[in-house]
């Protein structure tokens, strides 16, 4: 079993034709959707490449 860098990580959840970047918090035992600051709703994309780019940027900012 590998050593964990932290208890928070990012992933992509697919629901229908939408892709939702989510934060997985292992200490809290669940995942949380990310709010869209422009609309106040939940951040989602209609293609997986855009969602993956968001996750990559979020991981970079975290470290």
C-alpha atoms as a PDB file:
ATOM      1  CA  UNK A   1       0.000   0.000   0.000  1.00  0.00           C
ATOM      2  CA  UNK A   2       1.471   3.356  -1.088  1.00  0.00           C
ATOM      3  CA  UNK A   3       1.961   6.398   1.054  1.00  0.00           C
ATOM      4  CA  UNK A   4      -0.783   9.015   0.674  1.00  0.00           C
ATOM      5  CA  UNK A   5       0.212  12.634   0.018  1.00  0.00           C
ATOM      6  CA  UNK A   6      -2.960  13.832   1.683  1.00  0.00           C
ATOM      7  CA  UNK A   7      -6.531  12.933   2.195  1.00  0.00           C
ATOM      8  CA  UNK A   8      -7.925  15.204  -0.524  1.00  0.00           C
ATOM      9  CA  UNK A   9      -7.817  14.488  -4.246  1.00  0.00           C
ATOM     10  CA  UNK A  10      -9.696  15.448  -7.400  1.00  0.00           C
ATOM     11  CA  UNK A  11     -11.684  13.192  -9.721  1.00  0.00           C
ATOM     12  CA  UNK A  12     -14.333  13.399 -12.448  1.00  0.00           C
ATOM     13  CA  UNK A  13     -17.852  12.061 -11.950  1.00  0.00           C
ATOM     14  CA  UNK A  14     -19.986  11.386 -15.032  1.00  0.00           C
ATOM     15  CA  UNK A  15     -23.759  11.761 -14.841  1.00  0.00           C
ATOM     16  CA  UNK A  16     -25.514  11.306 -18.165  1.00  0.00           C
ATOM     17  CA  UNK A  17     -23.708  13.473 -20.706  1.00  0.00           C
ATOM     18  CA  UNK A  18     -22.208  15.858 -18.112  1.00  0.00           C
ATOM     19  CA  UNK A  19     -18.830  15.615 -16.357  1.00  0.00           C
ATOM     20  CA  UNK A  20     -18.447  16.976 -12.826  1.00  0.00           C
ATOM     21  CA  UNK A  21     -15.046  17.664 -11.270  1.00  0.00           C
ATOM     22  CA  UNK A  22     -15.321  16.596  -7.626  1.00  0.00           C
ATOM     23  CA  UNK A  23     -13.168  16.785  -4.522  1.00  0.00           C
ATOM     24  CA  UNK A  24     -12.730  13.470  -2.719  1.00  0.00           C
ATOM     25  CA  UNK A  25     -12.077  13.928   0.996  1.00  0.00           C
ATOM     26  CA  UNK A  26     -11.042  10.595   2.466  1.00  0.00           C
ATOM     27  CA  UNK A  27     -11.179  11.872   6.064  1.00  0.00           C
ATOM     28  CA  UNK A  28     -14.789  12.973   5.607  1.00  0.00           C
ATOM     29  CA  UNK A  29     -15.593   9.758   3.755  1.00  0.00           C
ATOM     30  CA  UNK A  30     -17.170  11.240   0.653  1.00  0.00           C
ATOM     31  CA  UNK A  31     -16.935  13.457  -2.389  1.00  0.00           C
ATOM     32  CA  UNK A  32     -18.114  16.993  -2.926  1.00  0.00           C
ATOM     33  CA  UNK A  33     -19.148  18.865  -6.058  1.00  0.00           C
ATOM     34  CA  UNK A  34     -17.352  22.107  -6.887  1.00  0.00           C
ATOM     35  CA  UNK A  35     -19.422  25.293  -7.126  1.00  0.00           C
ATOM     36  CA  UNK A  36     -19.235  27.371 -10.283  1.00  0.00           C
ATOM     37  CA  UNK A  37     -18.307  30.907  -9.183  1.00  0.00           C
ATOM     38  CA  UNK A  38     -19.966  32.437 -12.259  1.00  0.00           C
ATOM     39  CA  UNK A  39     -23.411  30.880 -11.923  1.00  0.00           C
ATOM     40  CA  UNK A  40     -23.547  29.752  -8.305  1.00  0.00           C
ATOM     41  CA  UNK A  41     -24.527  26.246  -9.455  1.00  0.00           C
ATOM     42  CA  UNK A  42     -22.451  23.091  -9.635  1.00  0.00           C
ATOM     43  CA  UNK A  43     -19.483  23.160 -12.003  1.00  0.00           C
ATOM     44  CA  UNK A  44     -19.929  20.747 -14.917  1.00  0.00           C
ATOM     45  CA  UNK A  45     -18.670  20.244 -18.456  1.00  0.00           C
ATOM     46  CA  UNK A  46     -20.121  18.590 -21.533  1.00  0.00           C
ATOM     47  CA  UNK A  47     -16.843  16.927 -22.533  1.00  0.00           C
ATOM     48  CA  UNK A  48     -14.340  14.928 -20.497  1.00  0.00           C
ATOM     49  CA  UNK A  49     -11.282  16.790 -21.845  1.00  0.00           C
ATOM     50  CA  UNK A  50     -12.443  20.101 -20.333  1.00  0.00           C
ATOM     51  CA  UNK A  51     -13.197  18.444 -17.000  1.00  0.00           C
ATOM     52  CA  UNK A  52      -9.760  16.797 -16.990  1.00  0.00           C
ATOM     53  CA  UNK A  53      -8.062  20.155 -17.682  1.00  0.00           C
ATOM     54  CA  UNK A  54      -9.871  21.633 -14.659  1.00  0.00           C
ATOM     55  CA  UNK A  55      -8.750  18.721 -12.468  1.00  0.00           C
ATOM     56  CA  UNK A  56      -5.144  19.109 -13.660  1.00  0.00           C
ATOM     57  CA  UNK A  57      -5.166  22.840 -12.821  1.00  0.00           C
ATOM     58  CA  UNK A  58      -6.710  22.144  -9.403  1.00  0.00           C
ATOM     59  CA  UNK A  59      -4.051  19.528  -8.602  1.00  0.00           C
ATOM     60  CA  UNK A  60      -1.307  21.977  -9.592  1.00  0.00           C
ATOM     61  CA  UNK A  61      -2.742  24.692  -7.332  1.00  0.00           C
ATOM     62  CA  UNK A  62      -3.041  22.235  -4.432  1.00  0.00           C
ATOM     63  CA  UNK A  63       0.679  21.405  -4.393  1.00  0.00           C
END
